[in-house]
Amino acid sequence: MGSTVLSLRIDGELLDRLRSHAAKRGMSVQDYVARTLIREDFDERFKTAVDETEKFYGAEPLSAPADGAAAGAATGAAGAATDAPRDHVRPSAGIA
């Protein structure tokens, strides 16, 4: 894939911070900015993919019911979980 030149005006203080961040990593400012933009783009695309997956499979509830009924039914006499395995597996996109 080819590259294209992007020219922009930024505040001097921001440029100084970018230089500092790049120097800490042994990178040029250009490489640091490009890497940061690539990471941000990946994060945005990944979040979109997760959101679409959750729409397709349905999102799981974030918390247990307030009355605790489900929590009491999920444990045996010794407090061990007795739930059967779930009907489906949520994709993890390779994240452990």
PDB file of N, CA and C in Angstrom:
ATOM      1  N   MET A   1       0.848  -1.152   0.000  1.00  0.00           N
ATOM      2  CA  MET A   1       0.000   0.000   0.000  1.00  0.00           C
ATOM      3  C   MET A   1       0.905   1.230   0.000  1.00  0.00           C
ATOM      4  N   GLY A   2       0.572   2.215  -0.819  1.00  0.00           N
ATOM      5  CA  GLY A   2       1.344   3.437  -0.894  1.00  0.00           C
ATOM      6  C   GLY A   2       1.041   4.357   0.268  1.00  0.00           C
ATOM      7  N   SER A   3       1.795   5.420   0.326  1.00  0.00           N
ATOM      8  CA  SER A   3       1.562   6.385   1.395  1.00  0.00           C
ATOM      9  C   SER A   3       1.233   7.738   0.793  1.00  0.00           C
ATOM     10  N   THR A   4       0.621   8.580   1.603  1.00  0.00           N
ATOM     11  CA  THR A   4       0.214   9.913   1.207  1.00  0.00           C
ATOM     12  C   THR A   4       0.704  10.888   2.262  1.00  0.00           C
ATOM     13  N   VAL A   5       1.028  12.078   1.857  1.00  0.00           N
ATOM     14  CA  VAL A   5       1.502  13.102   2.781  1.00  0.00           C
ATOM     15  C   VAL A   5       0.309  13.790   3.420  1.00  0.00           C
ATOM     16  N   LEU A   6       0.375  13.967   4.735  1.00  0.00           N
ATOM     17  CA  LEU A   6      -0.632  14.695   5.487  1.00  0.00           C
ATOM     18  C   LEU A   6       0.079  15.842   6.187  1.00  0.00           C
ATOM     19  N   SER A   7      -0.352  17.041   5.915  1.00  0.00           N
ATOM     20  CA  SER A   7       0.258  18.218   6.527  1.00  0.00           C
ATOM     21  C   SER A   7      -0.770  18.861   7.439  1.00  0.00           C
ATOM     22  N   LEU A   8      -0.362  19.196   8.663  1.00  0.00           N
ATOM     23  CA  LEU A   8      -1.290  19.830   9.569  1.00  0.00           C
ATOM     24  C   LEU A   8      -0.568  20.808  10.490  1.00  0.00           C
ATOM     25  N   ARG A   9      -1.327  21.768  10.982  1.00  0.00           N
ATOM     26  CA  ARG A   9      -0.800  22.739  11.944  1.00  0.00           C
ATOM     27  C   ARG A   9      -1.213  22.296  13.334  1.00  0.00           C
ATOM     28  N   ILE A  10      -0.227  22.274  14.248  1.00  0.00           N
ATOM     29  CA  ILE A  10      -0.535  21.923  15.627  1.00  0.00           C
ATOM     30  C   ILE A  10       0.140  22.913  16.561  1.00  0.00           C
ATOM     31  N   ASP A  11      -0.370  22.997  17.745  1.00  0.00           N
ATOM     32  CA  ASP A  11       0.164  23.868  18.772  1.00  0.00           C
ATOM     33  C   ASP A  11       1.595  23.438  19.127  1.00  0.00           C
ATOM     34  N   GLY A  12       2.450  24.402  19.419  1.00  0.00           N
ATOM     35  CA  GLY A  12       3.841  24.120  19.764  1.00  0.00           C
ATOM     36  C   GLY A  12       3.985  23.236  20.987  1.00  0.00           C
ATOM     37  N   GLU A  13       3.124  23.452  21.989  1.00  0.00           N
ATOM     38  CA  GLU A  13       3.178  22.620  23.191  1.00  0.00           C
ATOM     39  C   GLU A  13       2.817  21.172  22.884  1.00  0.00           C
ATOM     40  N   LEU A  14       1.844  20.972  22.016  1.00  0.00           N
ATOM     41  CA  LEU A  14       1.476  19.611  21.620  1.00  0.00           C
ATOM     42  C   LEU A  14       2.638  18.954  20.893  1.00  0.00           C
ATOM     43  N   LEU A  15       3.289  19.675  20.003  1.00  0.00           N
ATOM     44  CA  LEU A  15       4.435  19.115  19.283  1.00  0.00           C
ATOM     45  C   LEU A  15       5.541  18.729  20.259  1.00  0.00           C
ATOM     46  N   ASP A  16       5.772  19.567  21.262  1.00  0.00           N
ATOM     47  CA  ASP A  16       6.784  19.233  22.271  1.00  0.00           C
ATOM     48  C   ASP A  16       6.429  17.952  23.010  1.00  0.00           C
ATOM     49  N   ARG A  17       5.155  17.787  23.359  1.00  0.00           N
ATOM     50  CA  ARG A  17       4.719  16.554  24.039  1.00  0.00           C
ATOM     51  C   ARG A  17       4.872  15.351  23.117  1.00  0.00           C
ATOM     52  N   LEU A  18       4.520  15.531  21.844  1.00  0.00           N
ATOM     53  CA  LEU A  18       4.681  14.429  20.886  1.00  0.00           C
ATOM     54  C   LEU A  18       6.142  14.041  20.741  1.00  0.00           C
ATOM     55  N   ARG A  19       7.017  15.028  20.682  1.00  0.00           N
ATOM     56  CA  ARG A  19       8.458  14.749  20.598  1.00  0.00           C
ATOM     57  C   ARG A  19       8.928  13.970  21.830  1.00  0.00           C
ATOM     58  N   SER A  20       8.429  14.386  22.995  1.00  0.00           N
ATOM     59  CA  SER A  20       8.814  13.711  24.230  1.00  0.00           C
ATOM     60  C   SER A  20       8.334  12.265  24.244  1.00  0.00           C
ATOM     61  N   HIS A  21       7.069  12.042  23.888  1.00  0.00           N
ATOM     62  CA  HIS A  21       6.527  10.675  23.846  1.00  0.00           C
ATOM     63  C   HIS A  21       7.294   9.823  22.844  1.00  0.00           C
ATOM     64  N   ALA A  22       7.582  10.392  21.687  1.00  0.00           N
ATOM     65  CA  ALA A  22       8.306   9.650  20.649  1.00  0.00           C
ATOM     66  C   ALA A  22       9.716   9.315  21.120  1.00  0.00           C
ATOM     67  N   ALA A  23      10.392  10.278  21.748  1.00  0.00           N
ATOM     68  CA  ALA A  23      11.762  10.051  22.216  1.00  0.00           C
ATOM     69  C   ALA A  23      11.818   8.945  23.268  1.00  0.00           C
ATOM     70  N   LYS A  24      10.829   8.903  24.167  1.00  0.00           N
ATOM     71  CA  LYS A  24      10.774   7.854  25.189  1.00  0.00           C
ATOM     72  C   LYS A  24      10.719   6.472  24.568  1.00  0.00           C
ATOM     73  N   ARG A  25      10.137   6.397  23.369  1.00  0.00           N
ATOM     74  CA  ARG A  25       9.988   5.109  22.691  1.00  0.00           C
ATOM     75  C   ARG A  25      11.041   4.890  21.607  1.00  0.00           C
ATOM     76  N   GLY A  26      11.961   5.851  21.476  1.00  0.00           N
ATOM     77  CA  GLY A  26      13.007   5.728  20.463  1.00  0.00           C
ATOM     78  C   GLY A  26      12.459   5.825  19.048  1.00  0.00           C
ATOM     79  N   MET A  27      11.433   6.652  18.859  1.00  0.00           N
ATOM     80  CA  MET A  27      10.773   6.770  17.567  1.00  0.00           C
ATOM     81  C   MET A  27      10.864   8.204  17.082  1.00  0.00           C
ATOM     82  N   SER A  28      10.657   8.374  15.778  1.00  0.00           N
ATOM     83  CA  SER A  28      10.504   9.720  15.241  1.00  0.00           C
ATOM     84  C   SER A  28       9.080  10.190  15.554  1.00  0.00           C
ATOM     85  N   VAL A  29       8.879  11.497  15.512  1.00  0.00           N
ATOM     86  CA  VAL A  29       7.536  12.035  15.740  1.00  0.00           C
ATOM     87  C   VAL A  29       6.584  11.493  14.678  1.00  0.00           C
ATOM     88  N   GLN A  30       7.034  11.423  13.442  1.00  0.00           N
ATOM     89  CA  GLN A  30       6.189  10.907  12.360  1.00  0.00           C
ATOM     90  C   GLN A  30       5.763   9.477  12.650  1.00  0.00           C
ATOM     91  N   ASP A  31       6.697   8.625  13.036  1.00  0.00           N
ATOM     92  CA  ASP A  31       6.361   7.233  13.320  1.00  0.00           C
ATOM     93  C   ASP A  31       5.441   7.124  14.540  1.00  0.00           C
ATOM     94  N   TYR A  32       5.704   7.940  15.561  1.00  0.00           N
ATOM     95  CA  TYR A  32       4.866   7.912  16.760  1.00  0.00           C
ATOM     96  C   TYR A  32       3.427   8.318  16.437  1.00  0.00           C
ATOM     97  N   VAL A  33       3.260   9.396  15.683  1.00  0.00           N
ATOM     98  CA  VAL A  33       1.917   9.863  15.330  1.00  0.00           C
ATOM     99  C   VAL A  33       1.208   8.823  14.461  1.00  0.00           C
ATOM    100  N   ALA A  34       1.914   8.270  13.488  1.00  0.00           N
ATOM    101  CA  ALA A  34       1.303   7.257  12.618  1.00  0.00           C
ATOM    102  C   ALA A  34       0.879   6.036  13.431  1.00  0.00           C
ATOM    103  N   ARG A  35       1.742   5.576  14.340  1.00  0.00           N
ATOM    104  CA  ARG A  35       1.413   4.421  15.164  1.00  0.00           C
ATOM    105  C   ARG A  35       0.205   4.712  16.048  1.00  0.00           C
ATOM    106  N   THR A  36       0.150   5.907  16.613  1.00  0.00           N
ATOM    107  CA  THR A  36      -0.968   6.296  17.467  1.00  0.00           C
ATOM    108  C   THR A  36      -2.270   6.318  16.677  1.00  0.00           C
ATOM    109  N   LEU A  37      -2.223   6.850  15.464  1.00  0.00           N
ATOM    110  CA  LEU A  37      -3.422   6.887  14.630  1.00  0.00           C
ATOM    111  C   LEU A  37      -3.855   5.486  14.212  1.00  0.00           C
ATOM    112  N   ILE A  38      -2.906   4.640  13.908  1.00  0.00           N
ATOM    113  CA  ILE A  38      -3.219   3.254  13.536  1.00  0.00           C
ATOM    114  C   ILE A  38      -3.881   2.537  14.711  1.00  0.00           C
ATOM    115  N   ARG A  39      -3.337   2.729  15.910  1.00  0.00           N
ATOM    116  CA  ARG A  39      -3.905   2.092  17.102  1.00  0.00           C
ATOM    117  C   ARG A  39      -5.321   2.602  17.367  1.00  0.00           C
ATOM    118  N   GLU A  40      -5.514   3.904  17.251  1.00  0.00           N
ATOM    119  CA  GLU A  40      -6.841   4.496  17.467  1.00  0.00           C
ATOM    120  C   GLU A  40      -7.847   3.961  16.438  1.00  0.00           C
ATOM    121  N   ASP A  41      -7.401   3.858  15.178  1.00  0.00           N
ATOM    122  CA  ASP A  41      -8.270   3.329  14.128  1.00  0.00           C
ATOM    123  C   ASP A  41      -8.636   1.882  14.424  1.00  0.00           C
ATOM    124  N   PHE A  42      -7.648   1.071  14.866  1.00  0.00           N
ATOM    125  CA  PHE A  42      -7.925  -0.318  15.205  1.00  0.00           C
ATOM    126  C   PHE A  42      -8.936  -0.397  16.347  1.00  0.00           C
ATOM    127  N   ASP A  43      -8.715   0.406  17.396  1.00  0.00           N
ATOM    128  CA  ASP A  43      -9.622   0.389  18.544  1.00  0.00           C
ATOM    129  C   ASP A  43     -11.051   0.711  18.124  1.00  0.00           C
ATOM    130  N   GLU A  44     -11.189   1.695  17.252  1.00  0.00           N
ATOM    131  CA  GLU A  44     -12.517   2.097  16.782  1.00  0.00           C
ATOM    132  C   GLU A  44     -13.169   0.983  15.964  1.00  0.00           C
ATOM    133  N   ARG A  45     -12.396   0.366  15.070  1.00  0.00           N
ATOM    134  CA  ARG A  45     -12.945  -0.724  14.261  1.00  0.00           C
ATOM    135  C   ARG A  45     -13.283  -1.934  15.120  1.00  0.00           C
ATOM    136  N   PHE A  46     -12.441  -2.227  16.131  1.00  0.00           N
ATOM    137  CA  PHE A  46     -12.688  -3.354  17.021  1.00  0.00           C
ATOM    138  C   PHE A  46     -13.965  -3.125  17.820  1.00  0.00           C
ATOM    139  N   LYS A  47     -14.149  -1.924  18.366  1.00  0.00           N
ATOM    140  CA  LYS A  47     -15.351  -1.605  19.129  1.00  0.00           C
ATOM    141  C   LYS A  47     -16.594  -1.760  18.256  1.00  0.00           C
ATOM    142  N   THR A  48     -16.508  -1.303  17.010  1.00  0.00           N
ATOM    143  CA  THR A  48     -17.639  -1.450  16.093  1.00  0.00           C
ATOM    144  C   THR A  48     -17.950  -2.923  15.867  1.00  0.00           C
ATOM    145  N   ALA A  49     -16.909  -3.743  15.701  1.00  0.00           N
ATOM    146  CA  ALA A  49     -17.111  -5.174  15.492  1.00  0.00           C
ATOM    147  C   ALA A  49     -17.746  -5.821  16.717  1.00  0.00           C
ATOM    148  N   VAL A  50     -17.296  -5.439  17.909  1.00  0.00           N
ATOM    149  CA  VAL A  50     -17.875  -5.980  19.140  1.00  0.00           C
ATOM    150  C   VAL A  50     -19.341  -5.571  19.256  1.00  0.00           C
ATOM    151  N   ASP A  51     -19.628  -4.303  18.983  1.00  0.00           N
ATOM    152  CA  ASP A  51     -21.011  -3.826  19.048  1.00  0.00           C
ATOM    153  C   ASP A  51     -21.904  -4.596  18.077  1.00  0.00           C
ATOM    154  N   GLU A  52     -21.424  -4.818  16.867  1.00  0.00           N
ATOM    155  CA  GLU A  52     -22.206  -5.565  15.876  1.00  0.00           C
ATOM    156  C   GLU A  52     -22.408  -7.015  16.311  1.00  0.00           C
ATOM    157  N   THR A  53     -21.377  -7.614  16.912  1.00  0.00           N
ATOM    158  CA  THR A  53     -21.493  -8.989  17.400  1.00  0.00           C
ATOM    159  C   THR A  53     -22.512  -9.071  18.514  1.00  0.00           C
ATOM    160  N   GLU A  54     -22.482  -8.091  19.428  1.00  0.00           N
ATOM    161  CA  GLU A  54     -23.453  -8.089  20.522  1.00  0.00           C
ATOM    162  C   GLU A  54     -24.872  -7.891  20.006  1.00  0.00           C
ATOM    163  N   LYS A  55     -25.041  -7.088  18.960  1.00  0.00           N
ATOM    164  CA  LYS A  55     -26.373  -6.929  18.360  1.00  0.00           C
ATOM    165  C   LYS A  55     -26.855  -8.255  17.793  1.00  0.00           C
ATOM    166  N   PHE A  56     -25.940  -8.990  17.147  1.00  0.00           N
ATOM    167  CA  PHE A  56     -26.304 -10.253  16.512  1.00  0.00           C
ATOM    168  C   PHE A  56     -26.643 -11.324  17.548  1.00  0.00           C
ATOM    169  N   TYR A  57     -25.771 -11.481  18.571  1.00  0.00           N
ATOM    170  CA  TYR A  57     -25.963 -12.529  19.565  1.00  0.00           C
ATOM    171  C   TYR A  57     -26.806 -12.078  20.754  1.00  0.00           C
ATOM    172  N   GLY A  58     -26.927 -10.762  20.934  1.00  0.00           N
ATOM    173  CA  GLY A  58     -27.629 -10.235  22.101  1.00  0.00           C
ATOM    174  C   GLY A  58     -26.652 -10.063  23.249  1.00  0.00           C
ATOM    175  N   ALA A  59     -26.687  -8.918  23.863  1.00  0.00           N
ATOM    176  CA  ALA A  59     -25.783  -8.639  24.976  1.00  0.00           C
ATOM    177  C   ALA A  59     -26.284  -9.328  26.233  1.00  0.00           C
ATOM    178  N   GLU A  60     -25.346  -9.807  27.058  1.00  0.00           N
ATOM    179  CA  GLU A  60     -25.698 -10.414  28.336  1.00  0.00           C
ATOM    180  C   GLU A  60     -25.916  -9.307  29.362  1.00  0.00           C
ATOM    181  N   PRO A  61     -26.752  -9.542  30.376  1.00  0.00           N
ATOM    182  CA  PRO A  61     -26.948  -8.528  31.407  1.00  0.00           C
ATOM    183  C   PRO A  61     -25.639  -8.236  32.130  1.00  0.00           C
ATOM    184  N   LEU A  62     -25.465  -6.976  32.535  1.00  0.00           N
ATOM    185  CA  LEU A  62     -24.239  -6.573  33.202  1.00  0.00           C
ATOM    186  C   LEU A  62     -24.258  -6.892  34.683  1.00  0.00           C
ATOM    187  N   SER A  63     -25.431  -7.064  35.297  1.00  0.00           N
ATOM    188  CA  SER A  63     -25.492  -7.341  36.729  1.00  0.00           C
ATOM    189  C   SER A  63     -26.606  -8.338  37.021  1.00  0.00           C
ATOM    190  N   ALA A  64     -26.525  -8.949  38.204  1.00  0.00           N
ATOM    191  CA  ALA A  64     -27.533  -9.913  38.632  1.00  0.00           C
ATOM    192  C   ALA A  64     -28.780  -9.161  39.089  1.00  0.00           C
ATOM    193  N   PRO A  65     -29.923  -9.842  39.146  1.00  0.00           N
ATOM    194  CA  PRO A  65     -31.143  -9.196  39.636  1.00  0.00           C
ATOM    195  C   PRO A  65     -30.957  -8.684  41.057  1.00  0.00           C
ATOM    196  N   ALA A  66     -31.628  -7.598  41.390  1.00  0.00           N
ATOM    197  CA  ALA A  66     -31.470  -6.956  42.693  1.00  0.00           C
ATOM    198  C   ALA A  66     -31.990  -7.827  43.838  1.00  0.00           C
ATOM    199  N   ASP A  67     -32.980  -8.703  43.574  1.00  0.00           N
ATOM    200  CA  ASP A  67     -33.557  -9.498  44.659  1.00  0.00           C
ATOM    201  C   ASP A  67     -32.697 -10.683  45.053  1.00  0.00           C
ATOM    202  N   GLY A  68     -31.666 -11.007  44.277  1.00  0.00           N
ATOM    203  CA  GLY A  68     -30.749 -12.090  44.608  1.00  0.00           C
ATOM    204  C   GLY A  68     -31.310 -13.464  44.327  1.00  0.00           C
ATOM    205  N   ALA A  69     -32.482 -13.562  43.696  1.00  0.00           N
ATOM    206  CA  ALA A  69     -33.100 -14.861  43.432  1.00  0.00           C
ATOM    207  C   ALA A  69     -32.213 -15.742  42.567  1.00  0.00           C
ATOM    208  N   ALA A  70     -31.623 -15.156  41.544  1.00  0.00           N
ATOM    209  CA  ALA A  70     -30.780 -15.946  40.648  1.00  0.00           C
ATOM    210  C   ALA A  70     -29.522 -16.405  41.362  1.00  0.00           C
ATOM    211  N   ALA A  71     -28.978 -15.587  42.242  1.00  0.00           N
ATOM    212  CA  ALA A  71     -27.756 -15.959  42.955  1.00  0.00           C
ATOM    213  C   ALA A  71     -28.013 -17.134  43.887  1.00  0.00           C
ATOM    214  N   GLY A  72     -29.169 -17.162  44.564  1.00  0.00           N
ATOM    215  CA  GLY A  72     -29.483 -18.260  45.461  1.00  0.00           C
ATOM    216  C   GLY A  72     -29.696 -19.555  44.709  1.00  0.00           C
ATOM    217  N   ALA A  73     -30.295 -19.497  43.549  1.00  0.00           N
ATOM    218  CA  ALA A  73     -30.560 -20.692  42.760  1.00  0.00           C
ATOM    219  C   ALA A  73     -29.306 -21.231  42.107  1.00  0.00           C
ATOM    220  N   ALA A  74     -28.281 -20.423  41.970  1.00  0.00           N
ATOM    221  CA  ALA A  74     -27.087 -20.832  41.244  1.00  0.00           C
ATOM    222  C   ALA A  74     -26.078 -21.533  42.124  1.00  0.00           C
ATOM    223  N   THR A  75     -26.291 -21.576  43.442  1.00  0.00           N
ATOM    224  CA  THR A  75     -25.321 -22.207  44.322  1.00  0.00           C
ATOM    225  C   THR A  75     -25.956 -23.364  45.051  1.00  0.00           C
ATOM    226  N   GLY A  76     -25.153 -24.380  45.314  1.00  0.00           N
ATOM    227  CA  GLY A  76     -25.631 -25.539  46.060  1.00  0.00           C
ATOM    228  C   GLY A  76     -25.471 -25.299  47.549  1.00  0.00           C
ATOM    229  N   ALA A  77     -25.626 -26.372  48.349  1.00  0.00           N
ATOM    230  CA  ALA A  77     -25.557 -26.253  49.804  1.00  0.00           C
ATOM    231  C   ALA A  77     -24.189 -25.787  50.268  1.00  0.00           C
ATOM    232  N   ALA A  78     -23.138 -26.221  49.584  1.00  0.00           N
ATOM    233  CA  ALA A  78     -21.781 -25.842  49.973  1.00  0.00           C
ATOM    234  C   ALA A  78     -21.350 -24.532  49.334  1.00  0.00           C
ATOM    235  N   GLY A  79     -22.234 -23.906  48.570  1.00  0.00           N
ATOM    236  CA  GLY A  79     -21.897 -22.640  47.937  1.00  0.00           C
ATOM    237  C   GLY A  79     -21.249 -22.800  46.576  1.00  0.00           C
ATOM    238  N   ALA A  80     -21.156 -24.032  46.079  1.00  0.00           N
ATOM    239  CA  ALA A  80     -20.545 -24.255  44.769  1.00  0.00           C
ATOM    240  C   ALA A  80     -21.572 -24.000  43.681  1.00  0.00           C
ATOM    241  N   ALA A  81     -21.124 -23.548  42.555  1.00  0.00           N
ATOM    242  CA  ALA A  81     -22.030 -23.258  41.442  1.00  0.00           C
ATOM    243  C   ALA A  81     -22.581 -24.560  40.887  1.00  0.00           C
ATOM    244  N   THR A  82     -23.892 -24.567  40.606  1.00  0.00           N
ATOM    245  CA  THR A  82     -24.521 -25.759  40.050  1.00  0.00           C
ATOM    246  C   THR A  82     -25.138 -25.483  38.684  1.00  0.00           C
ATOM    247  N   ASP A  83     -24.845 -24.316  38.104  1.00  0.00           N
ATOM    248  CA  ASP A  83     -25.396 -23.976  36.795  1.00  0.00           C
ATOM    249  C   ASP A  83     -24.865 -24.926  35.735  1.00  0.00           C
ATOM    250  N   ALA A  84     -25.741 -25.272  34.805  1.00  0.00           N
ATOM    251  CA  ALA A  84     -25.315 -26.042  33.642  1.00  0.00           C
ATOM    252  C   ALA A  84     -24.574 -25.111  32.685  1.00  0.00           C
ATOM    253  N   PRO A  85     -23.761 -25.644  31.784  1.00  0.00           N
ATOM    254  CA  PRO A  85     -23.071 -24.780  30.813  1.00  0.00           C
ATOM    255  C   PRO A  85     -24.074 -23.969  30.007  1.00  0.00           C
ATOM    256  N   ARG A  86     -23.687 -22.803  29.582  1.00  0.00           N
ATOM    257  CA  ARG A  86     -24.566 -21.927  28.800  1.00  0.00           C
ATOM    258  C   ARG A  86     -24.862 -22.539  27.441  1.00  0.00           C
ATOM    259  N   ASP A  87     -25.964 -22.092  26.857  1.00  0.00           N
ATOM    260  CA  ASP A  87     -26.381 -22.605  25.567  1.00  0.00           C
ATOM    261  C   ASP A  87     -25.491 -22.144  24.426  1.00  0.00           C
ATOM    262  N   HIS A  88     -24.849 -21.027  24.591  1.00  0.00           N
ATOM    263  CA  HIS A  88     -24.035 -20.496  23.512  1.00  0.00           C
ATOM    264  C   HIS A  88     -22.713 -19.959  24.066  1.00  0.00           C
ATOM    265  N   VAL A  89     -21.784 -19.781  23.181  1.00  0.00           N
ATOM    266  CA  VAL A  89     -20.472 -19.242  23.547  1.00  0.00           C
ATOM    267  C   VAL A  89     -20.338 -17.886  22.881  1.00  0.00           C
ATOM    268  N   ARG A  90     -19.994 -16.872  23.673  1.00  0.00           N
ATOM    269  CA  ARG A  90     -19.777 -15.535  23.107  1.00  0.00           C
ATOM    270  C   ARG A  90     -18.398 -15.491  22.467  1.00  0.00           C
ATOM    271  N   PRO A  91     -18.301 -14.948  21.275  1.00  0.00           N
ATOM    272  CA  PRO A  91     -16.995 -14.862  20.618  1.00  0.00           C
ATOM    273  C   PRO A  91     -16.072 -13.928  21.398  1.00  0.00           C
ATOM    274  N   SER A  92     -14.818 -14.317  21.495  1.00  0.00           N
ATOM    275  CA  SER A  92     -13.861 -13.485  22.223  1.00  0.00           C
ATOM    276  C   SER A  92     -12.911 -12.769  21.296  1.00  0.00           C
ATOM    277  N   ALA A  93     -13.024 -12.966  20.007  1.00  0.00           N
ATOM    278  CA  ALA A  93     -12.148 -12.335  19.013  1.00  0.00           C
ATOM    279  C   ALA A  93     -10.686 -12.592  19.314  1.00  0.00           C
ATOM    280  N   GLY A  94     -10.383 -13.752  19.897  1.00  0.00           N
ATOM    281  CA  GLY A  94      -9.001 -14.111  20.158  1.00  0.00           C
ATOM    282  C   GLY A  94      -8.411 -13.429  21.380  1.00  0.00           C
ATOM    283  N   ILE A  95      -9.237 -12.810  22.198  1.00  0.00           N
ATOM    284  CA  ILE A  95      -8.727 -12.140  23.394  1.00  0.00           C
ATOM    285  C   ILE A  95      -8.899 -13.079  24.563  1.00  0.00           C
ATOM    286  N   ALA A  96      -7.805 -13.362  25.238  1.00  0.00           N
ATOM    287  CA  ALA A  96      -7.854 -14.284  26.388  1.00  0.00           C
ATOM    288  C   ALA A  96      -8.193 -13.539  27.649  1.00  0.00           C
TER     289      ALA A  96
END
